Amino acid sequence: MKPICRICGGTFPAARKALKYTTCLKCGDGVAVQERRSWCVIQEYGKGGYQLVTPEAATRTLRETNQKSVRS
């Protein structure tokens, strides 16, 4: 018996279920695309390392990392 996708109700291969996926490939791809849209990677300062910024902290973090002063 093939596993059933939790989103669309279709079936998907048992090998995918063995890898702990609960969705078919098409639905899983859609979920992944939505999740990646919320990612933002910035460099904290000139020669600093890269940092992953989540939507909750994005506004504050991005304003604090701006290296240029505001023009008058």
Protein backbone atom coordinates (compact mmCIF):
# COMPACT_ATOMS: atom_id res chain seq x y z
CA MET A 1 0.00 0.00 0.00
CA LYS A 2 1.37 3.40 -0.99
CA PRO A 3 1.45 6.28 1.52
CA ILE A 4 -1.06 9.13 1.14
CA CYS A 5 -0.03 12.79 0.84
CA ARG A 6 -1.24 14.89 3.77
CA ILE A 7 -1.94 17.89 1.51
CA CYS A 8 -3.53 16.62 -1.70
CA GLY A 9 -4.56 13.10 -0.69
CA GLY A 10 -2.68 11.49 -3.59
CA THR A 11 -0.28 8.60 -3.23
CA PHE A 12 3.50 8.78 -3.34
CA PRO A 13 6.34 6.20 -3.34
CA ALA A 14 7.11 4.25 -0.17
CA ALA A 15 10.80 5.20 -0.56
CA ARG A 16 9.84 8.82 0.02
CA LYS A 17 7.91 7.80 3.15
CA ALA A 18 11.02 5.93 4.36
CA LEU A 19 12.86 9.27 4.23
CA LYS A 20 10.23 10.68 6.65
CA TYR A 21 8.36 12.80 4.09
CA THR A 22 4.59 13.10 4.54
CA THR A 23 3.81 14.76 1.21
CA CYS A 24 4.11 13.86 -2.45
CA LEU A 25 6.93 15.47 -4.44
CA LYS A 26 4.71 18.15 -6.00
CA CYS A 27 3.16 19.27 -2.70
CA GLY A 28 6.52 19.06 -0.89
CA ASP A 29 8.10 21.29 -3.52
CA GLY A 30 5.36 23.87 -3.06
CA VAL A 31 5.87 23.91 0.70
CA ALA A 32 9.64 24.28 0.27
CA VAL A 33 9.24 27.20 -2.14
CA GLN A 34 6.97 29.03 0.32
CA GLU A 35 9.46 28.48 3.14
CA ARG A 36 12.44 29.69 1.09
CA ARG A 37 10.62 32.93 0.22
CA SER A 38 10.90 34.01 3.85
CA TRP A 39 14.69 33.53 4.03
CA CYS A 40 17.10 36.43 3.95
CA VAL A 41 20.87 36.08 4.34
CA ILE A 42 22.86 39.20 5.18
CA GLN A 43 26.41 40.10 6.07
CA GLU A 44 26.29 41.68 9.50
CA TYR A 45 29.17 44.09 8.92
CA GLY A 46 31.92 44.71 6.33
CA LYS A 47 34.02 41.60 6.86
CA GLY A 48 31.64 39.66 9.07
CA GLY A 49 30.12 36.27 8.52
CA TYR A 50 26.75 35.68 6.92
CA GLN A 51 23.65 35.54 9.09
CA LEU A 52 20.22 34.09 8.40
CA VAL A 53 17.47 36.61 9.15
CA THR A 54 13.93 35.42 9.77
CA PRO A 55 10.83 37.53 9.04
CA GLU A 56 10.23 38.21 12.75
CA ALA A 57 13.57 40.00 13.22
CA ALA A 58 14.13 41.23 9.66
CA THR A 59 13.15 44.89 10.01
CA ARG A 60 15.22 45.59 13.10
CA THR A 61 18.23 43.55 11.99
CA LEU A 62 18.38 44.99 8.49
CA ARG A 63 18.21 48.57 9.79
CA GLU A 64 20.99 47.93 12.30
CA THR A 65 23.32 46.44 9.68
CA ASN A 66 23.13 49.36 7.23
CA GLN A 67 26.68 50.75 7.07
CA LYS A 68 25.84 54.01 5.33
CA SER A 69 24.60 57.08 7.11
CA VAL A 70 21.34 58.74 6.08
CA ARG A 71 21.81 61.68 3.71
CA SER A 72 20.44 65.06 4.71
